[in-house]
Structure formats: structure tokens, C-alpha cells
Amino acid sequence: MREQGGTGSGGRRGQAERDAITVEIGYALCSAAFAAAVVFGAVAGPALLFALPGAVETVLVRGGGVLAGVLFAVRTVSVLVRFRRAAQPSQPGRTSPDS
């Protein structure tokens, strides 16, 4: 069975909407991975580049990992929530203020 139409046809999504969701998920994951890598490098970088005491090195590497993981999750969720809010029209059933 072929799907046609947008979300108004029984809750099914059209191909363009599915493509937009896929692109947005990809953007969310890539931007979150980049931001997490930058934060990890900034926090754990000194421990990996310089000879630091064992305890300091451990704290920096683990702290960088934790911060990177948290940032990855927060960035991914915030991008997807913002996309979901932007996709919903302010007046359901109307495509533009002039209609």
C-alpha cells in the first residue's frame, strides 16, 4: 500500500516529512558528537599531552568522558525537541495566515 499525503491522512507521514526527520536526526547526532569531542579534548587533552600525576590524569580523563557524554545527550535531545516544536503549526489545519 502506498502512502500519500501528509500527517492529515490518518496520522501517516509523507515521504518528505520522513526525510526531514531523518536529516534532523543525523544533524542532531553529528553536531552532538562534534561538540562532545571538542569538550572531551578540552578537558582530557592536557592529561593526554602532558605528564601529569596519576590522580590528576585520571580525574581529567574521566571528567572529560562524563562531560562529553552528558553534552552529547543534552545536545541531541535539544535539537530534536526544537525540531518537533518547529514542525507543529500554530493553528492546526491552516497552512498560512492568509488561508
Protein backbone atom coordinates (compact mmCIF):
# COMPACT_ATOMS: atom_id res chain seq x y z
CA MET A 1 0.00 0.00 0.00
CA ARG A 2 1.42 3.38 -0.99
CA GLU A 3 1.32 6.24 1.46
CA GLN A 4 0.22 9.59 0.12
CA GLY A 5 -0.39 12.88 1.80
CA GLY A 6 0.95 14.38 5.00
CA THR A 7 0.08 13.87 8.61
CA GLY A 8 -3.57 14.65 7.95
CA SER A 9 -4.23 11.28 6.30
CA GLY A 10 -4.81 9.03 9.29
CA GLY A 11 -1.60 10.02 11.10
CA ARG A 12 0.71 8.68 8.40
CA ARG A 13 3.72 10.70 7.42
CA GLY A 14 4.59 11.54 3.86
CA GLN A 15 7.99 10.80 2.35
CA ALA A 16 9.12 14.43 2.61
CA GLU A 17 8.34 14.51 6.33
CA ARG A 18 10.16 11.22 6.94
CA ASP A 19 13.16 12.55 5.02
CA ALA A 20 13.15 15.75 7.09
CA ILE A 21 13.07 13.73 10.30
CA THR A 22 15.94 11.54 9.11
CA VAL A 23 18.05 14.56 8.20
CA GLU A 24 17.30 16.21 11.55
CA ILE A 25 18.27 13.08 13.48
CA GLY A 26 21.52 12.88 11.52
CA TYR A 27 22.23 16.55 12.21
CA ALA A 28 21.47 16.11 15.91
CA LEU A 29 23.81 13.11 16.22
CA CYS A 30 26.66 14.64 14.20
CA SER A 31 26.56 18.01 15.94
CA ALA A 32 26.33 16.32 19.34
CA ALA A 33 29.29 14.06 18.54
CA PHE A 34 31.35 17.03 17.40
CA ALA A 35 30.52 19.08 20.50
CA ALA A 36 31.25 16.11 22.77
CA ALA A 37 34.60 15.52 21.07
CA VAL A 38 35.58 19.17 21.49
CA VAL A 39 34.66 19.14 25.19
CA PHE A 40 36.47 15.85 25.78
CA GLY A 41 39.56 17.19 24.02
CA ALA A 42 39.48 20.41 26.02
CA VAL A 43 39.12 18.68 29.38
CA ALA A 44 41.14 15.50 28.88
CA GLY A 45 43.62 16.91 26.36
CA PRO A 46 46.15 18.13 28.92
CA ALA A 47 46.16 14.71 30.58
CA LEU A 48 46.86 13.07 27.24
CA LEU A 49 49.52 15.55 26.14
CA PHE A 50 51.49 16.21 29.31
CA ALA A 51 52.97 14.02 32.01
CA LEU A 52 50.66 14.71 34.95
CA PRO A 53 50.34 12.89 38.27
CA GLY A 54 48.23 9.74 38.03
CA ALA A 55 45.29 11.04 40.07
CA VAL A 56 45.05 14.29 38.08
CA GLU A 57 45.25 12.42 34.80
CA THR A 58 42.51 10.01 35.88
CA VAL A 59 40.21 12.83 37.03
CA LEU A 60 40.67 14.78 33.80
CA VAL A 61 40.07 11.80 31.52
CA ARG A 62 37.05 10.53 33.45
CA GLY A 63 35.64 14.02 33.91
CA GLY A 64 36.05 14.71 30.20
CA GLY A 65 34.28 11.47 29.38
CA VAL A 66 31.39 12.22 31.69
CA LEU A 67 31.03 15.80 30.43
CA ALA A 68 31.20 14.64 26.83
CA GLY A 69 28.52 12.02 27.41
CA VAL A 70 26.20 14.46 29.14
CA LEU A 71 26.75 17.10 26.46
CA PHE A 72 26.06 14.54 23.72
CA ALA A 73 22.72 13.59 25.28
CA VAL A 74 21.66 17.17 26.01
CA ARG A 75 22.59 18.41 22.53
CA THR A 76 20.79 15.53 20.79
CA VAL A 77 17.60 15.98 22.80
CA SER A 78 17.57 19.77 22.46
CA VAL A 79 17.94 19.65 18.67
CA LEU A 80 15.18 17.05 18.30
CA VAL A 81 12.80 18.86 20.67
CA ARG A 82 13.38 22.15 18.84
CA PHE A 83 12.67 20.40 15.50
CA ARG A 84 9.47 18.88 16.85
CA ARG A 85 8.22 22.26 18.11
CA ALA A 86 9.02 23.94 14.79
CA ALA A 87 7.18 21.23 12.83
CA GLN A 88 3.87 21.86 14.59
CA PRO A 89 1.77 24.67 13.12
CA SER A 90 0.49 27.33 15.49
CA GLN A 91 -3.03 26.90 14.13
CA PRO A 92 -3.79 23.26 13.28
CA GLY A 93 -5.37 22.81 9.90
CA ARG A 94 -4.10 26.10 8.48
CA THR A 95 -1.10 26.29 6.22
CA SER A 96 -0.62 30.05 6.27
CA PRO A 97 -2.18 33.11 7.95
CA ASP A 98 -3.86 34.09 4.66
CA SER A 99 -5.80 30.85 4.18
